[in-house]
Every structure is written in structure tokens, then in C-alpha cells.
Amino acid sequence: MPPRPAPFPLVALVGPTAVGKTALSLRLARELHAEIVSVDSVQVYRGLDVGSAKPTAAERAEVPHHLIDVADPDEPFDAADFARRAAGVIRAVRARGRNVLLVGGTGLYLRALLRG
């Protein structure tokens, strides 16, 4: 196995639903030896699949994805919850020697993670 590059600062791919983030994120994740952290306030909820443009099971099997289907729709989940969980995921991914690619369109979640 070739040596992996050292982790670099977080890379974020952001934009509205249905602009091609998923396809691009898969390509980037492969190139960057990265795992994807979803930054989407709808994709965190189990069962909210219509209109959320969640990656397919095949796409998720191709590249590890995190913070998708982690809460029930009747369960409170806010930007602070996201930031806490995302920080833990980022630490774990980096501990495995992988990079992190943040992908989504919820600016509030992204700001909570990056700025507190």
C-alpha cells in the first residue's frame, strides 16, 4: 500500500441540493484519501429520504460517509449537536490517517463546526 499523505486542513464542498455535490465529493474523496462528513440538516434524520438527496447505499459503500441517518425525526438535533458529533467523527477519521471532506448545504451546521 502506498504511503498516505498527512491529513490537511478540512476541505468543504458546499451548495444547494441537486447541484452535483455527491458525484464530485466521491471523486474528491477518492483522490484525497478522505471520508465524507455530511453537513446537511435533513440527511441526519432517519427516514427522511425523499427530497434530501441522500447518497445511495452504493455511494456510501464506495466511500465512508458520516452523520447520515443518525437521529430520529422526533429527536432534537441542532447545530450544537452536529458540531459535537462532527468533531468526534473528524478526530476518529484523522486517527485512521484519512482526510475529511465536509459535504452539504447547511451553512449553520458548517459555521457551528468551524466557529463554534
C-alpha atoms as a PDB file:
ATOM      1  CA  MET A   1       0.000   0.000   0.000  1.00  0.00           C
ATOM      2  CA  PRO A   2       1.439   3.421  -0.910  1.00  0.00           C
ATOM      3  CA  PRO A   3       2.028   5.845   1.956  1.00  0.00           C
ATOM      4  CA  ARG A   4      -0.872   8.147   2.627  1.00  0.00           C
ATOM      5  CA  PRO A   5      -0.438  11.894   2.669  1.00  0.00           C
ATOM      6  CA  ALA A   6      -0.576  13.629   6.016  1.00  0.00           C
ATOM      7  CA  PRO A   7      -4.011  14.998   6.920  1.00  0.00           C
ATOM      8  CA  PHE A   8      -4.535  18.519   5.694  1.00  0.00           C
ATOM      9  CA  PRO A   9      -6.971  21.222   6.777  1.00  0.00           C
ATOM     10  CA  LEU A  10     -10.633  20.436   6.304  1.00  0.00           C
ATOM     11  CA  VAL A  11     -11.992  20.657   2.778  1.00  0.00           C
ATOM     12  CA  ALA A  12     -15.636  21.687   2.370  1.00  0.00           C
ATOM     13  CA  LEU A  13     -17.843  21.224  -0.685  1.00  0.00           C
ATOM     14  CA  VAL A  14     -20.996  23.252  -0.104  1.00  0.00           C
ATOM     15  CA  GLY A  15     -24.026  24.227  -2.131  1.00  0.00           C
ATOM     16  CA  PRO A  16     -27.774  23.702  -2.517  1.00  0.00           C
ATOM     17  CA  THR A  17     -29.474  20.364  -3.148  1.00  0.00           C
ATOM     18  CA  ALA A  18     -29.138  18.820  -6.621  1.00  0.00           C
ATOM     19  CA  VAL A  19     -26.129  20.735  -7.945  1.00  0.00           C
ATOM     20  CA  GLY A  20     -23.828  17.724  -8.194  1.00  0.00           C
ATOM     21  CA  LYS A  21     -22.081  17.738  -4.820  1.00  0.00           C
ATOM     22  CA  THR A  22     -22.413  13.982  -4.361  1.00  0.00           C
ATOM     23  CA  ALA A  23     -20.747  12.978  -7.630  1.00  0.00           C
ATOM     24  CA  LEU A  24     -17.944  15.489  -7.145  1.00  0.00           C
ATOM     25  CA  SER A  25     -17.493  14.543  -3.487  1.00  0.00           C
ATOM     26  CA  LEU A  26     -16.996  10.878  -4.386  1.00  0.00           C
ATOM     27  CA  ARG A  27     -14.285  11.777  -6.885  1.00  0.00           C
ATOM     28  CA  LEU A  28     -12.601  14.153  -4.436  1.00  0.00           C
ATOM     29  CA  ALA A  29     -12.778  11.660  -1.579  1.00  0.00           C
ATOM     30  CA  ARG A  30     -11.004   9.027  -3.652  1.00  0.00           C
ATOM     31  CA  GLU A  31      -8.310  11.494  -4.762  1.00  0.00           C
ATOM     32  CA  LEU A  32      -7.779  12.914  -1.271  1.00  0.00           C
ATOM     33  CA  HIS A  33      -7.980   9.613   0.644  1.00  0.00           C
ATOM     34  CA  ALA A  34     -10.903  11.166   2.506  1.00  0.00           C
ATOM     35  CA  GLU A  35     -14.075  10.161   4.261  1.00  0.00           C
ATOM     36  CA  ILE A  36     -17.176  12.302   3.825  1.00  0.00           C
ATOM     37  CA  VAL A  37     -18.929  14.091   6.677  1.00  0.00           C
ATOM     38  CA  SER A  38     -22.419  15.191   5.689  1.00  0.00           C
ATOM     39  CA  VAL A  39     -23.191  18.796   6.611  1.00  0.00           C
ATOM     40  CA  ASP A  40     -26.930  18.579   5.942  1.00  0.00           C
ATOM     41  CA  SER A  41     -29.720  19.272   8.415  1.00  0.00           C
ATOM     42  CA  VAL A  42     -32.121  16.840   6.705  1.00  0.00           C
ATOM     43  CA  GLN A  43     -29.763  13.958   5.967  1.00  0.00           C
ATOM     44  CA  VAL A  44     -29.099  13.496   9.691  1.00  0.00           C
ATOM     45  CA  TYR A  45     -32.646  12.146  10.094  1.00  0.00           C
ATOM     46  CA  ARG A  46     -33.585   8.519   9.533  1.00  0.00           C
ATOM     47  CA  GLY A  47     -36.486   8.017   7.159  1.00  0.00           C
ATOM     48  CA  LEU A  48     -36.373  11.473   5.583  1.00  0.00           C
ATOM     49  CA  ASP A  49     -35.129  10.175   2.263  1.00  0.00           C
ATOM     50  CA  VAL A  50     -37.435  11.907  -0.217  1.00  0.00           C
ATOM     51  CA  GLY A  51     -36.163  15.351  -1.146  1.00  0.00           C
ATOM     52  CA  SER A  52     -32.973  15.043   0.895  1.00  0.00           C
ATOM     53  CA  ALA A  53     -30.751  13.735  -1.930  1.00  0.00           C
ATOM     54  CA  LYS A  54     -29.011  11.332   0.448  1.00  0.00           C
ATOM     55  CA  PRO A  55     -26.191   9.372  -1.155  1.00  0.00           C
ATOM     56  CA  THR A  56     -27.279   5.909  -2.256  1.00  0.00           C
ATOM     57  CA  ALA A  57     -26.225   2.775  -0.412  1.00  0.00           C
ATOM     58  CA  ALA A  58     -23.775   2.043  -3.245  1.00  0.00           C
ATOM     59  CA  GLU A  59     -22.247   5.526  -2.974  1.00  0.00           C
ATOM     60  CA  ARG A  60     -21.931   5.157   0.787  1.00  0.00           C
ATOM     61  CA  ALA A  61     -20.277   1.769   0.346  1.00  0.00           C
ATOM     62  CA  GLU A  62     -17.779   3.252  -2.127  1.00  0.00           C
ATOM     63  CA  VAL A  63     -16.604   5.997   0.257  1.00  0.00           C
ATOM     64  CA  PRO A  64     -17.308   6.092   4.011  1.00  0.00           C
ATOM     65  CA  HIS A  65     -19.970   8.692   4.881  1.00  0.00           C
ATOM     66  CA  HIS A  66     -20.730  10.028   8.346  1.00  0.00           C
ATOM     67  CA  LEU A  67     -23.632  11.829  10.056  1.00  0.00           C
ATOM     68  CA  ILE A  68     -26.333  10.443   7.764  1.00  0.00           C
ATOM     69  CA  ASP A  69     -29.350   8.763   9.431  1.00  0.00           C
ATOM     70  CA  VAL A  70     -28.079   9.431  12.958  1.00  0.00           C
ATOM     71  CA  ALA A  71     -31.258  10.844  14.543  1.00  0.00           C
ATOM     72  CA  ASP A  72     -34.961  10.058  14.544  1.00  0.00           C
ATOM     73  CA  PRO A  73     -37.230  12.807  13.163  1.00  0.00           C
ATOM     74  CA  ASP A  74     -38.854  13.325  16.585  1.00  0.00           C
ATOM     75  CA  GLU A  75     -35.445  13.635  18.272  1.00  0.00           C
ATOM     76  CA  PRO A  76     -33.996  17.111  18.853  1.00  0.00           C
ATOM     77  CA  PHE A  77     -30.839  17.647  16.800  1.00  0.00           C
ATOM     78  CA  ASP A  78     -29.450  21.156  16.478  1.00  0.00           C
ATOM     79  CA  ALA A  79     -26.283  22.832  15.234  1.00  0.00           C
ATOM     80  CA  ALA A  80     -24.525  22.283  18.567  1.00  0.00           C
ATOM     81  CA  ASP A  81     -25.333  18.551  18.419  1.00  0.00           C
ATOM     82  CA  PHE A  82     -23.997  18.451  14.879  1.00  0.00           C
ATOM     83  CA  ALA A  83     -20.777  20.270  15.808  1.00  0.00           C
ATOM     84  CA  ARG A  84     -20.122  17.921  18.748  1.00  0.00           C
ATOM     85  CA  ARG A  85     -20.704  14.791  16.707  1.00  0.00           C
ATOM     86  CA  ALA A  86     -18.805  16.079  13.683  1.00  0.00           C
ATOM     87  CA  ALA A  87     -15.783  16.980  15.820  1.00  0.00           C
ATOM     88  CA  GLY A  88     -15.711  13.425  17.173  1.00  0.00           C
ATOM     89  CA  VAL A  89     -16.013  11.940  13.691  1.00  0.00           C
ATOM     90  CA  ILE A  90     -13.232  14.193  12.382  1.00  0.00           C
ATOM     91  CA  ARG A  91     -10.904  13.112  15.201  1.00  0.00           C
ATOM     92  CA  ALA A  92     -11.654   9.435  14.512  1.00  0.00           C
ATOM     93  CA  VAL A  93     -11.169   9.772  10.748  1.00  0.00           C
ATOM     94  CA  ARG A  94      -7.868  11.572  11.187  1.00  0.00           C
ATOM     95  CA  ALA A  95      -6.729   8.977  13.733  1.00  0.00           C
ATOM     96  CA  ARG A  96      -7.105   6.416  10.936  1.00  0.00           C
ATOM     97  CA  GLY A  97      -4.763   8.516   8.778  1.00  0.00           C
ATOM     98  CA  ARG A  98      -7.543   9.660   6.459  1.00  0.00           C
ATOM     99  CA  ASN A  99      -8.615  13.138   5.396  1.00  0.00           C
ATOM    100  CA  VAL A 100     -12.040  14.697   5.911  1.00  0.00           C
ATOM    101  CA  LEU A 101     -14.313  16.126   3.229  1.00  0.00           C
ATOM    102  CA  LEU A 102     -17.271  18.140   4.536  1.00  0.00           C
ATOM    103  CA  VAL A 103     -20.175  17.974   2.064  1.00  0.00           C
ATOM    104  CA  GLY A 104     -23.566  19.648   2.279  1.00  0.00           C
ATOM    105  CA  GLY A 105     -25.554  22.793   2.218  1.00  0.00           C
ATOM    106  CA  THR A 106     -26.471  23.671   5.793  1.00  0.00           C
ATOM    107  CA  GLY A 107     -24.401  26.764   6.460  1.00  0.00           C
ATOM    108  CA  LEU A 108     -25.490  26.930  10.093  1.00  0.00           C
ATOM    109  CA  TYR A 109     -24.030  23.472  10.736  1.00  0.00           C
ATOM    110  CA  LEU A 110     -20.802  24.359   8.956  1.00  0.00           C
ATOM    111  CA  ARG A 111     -20.439  27.591  10.947  1.00  0.00           C
ATOM    112  CA  ALA A 112     -21.160  25.771  14.217  1.00  0.00           C
ATOM    113  CA  LEU A 113     -18.399  23.278  13.455  1.00  0.00           C
ATOM    114  CA  LEU A 114     -15.808  25.773  12.256  1.00  0.00           C
ATOM    115  CA  ARG A 115     -16.540  28.723  14.527  1.00  0.00           C
ATOM    116  CA  GLY A 116     -18.383  27.284  17.496  1.00  0.00           C
END
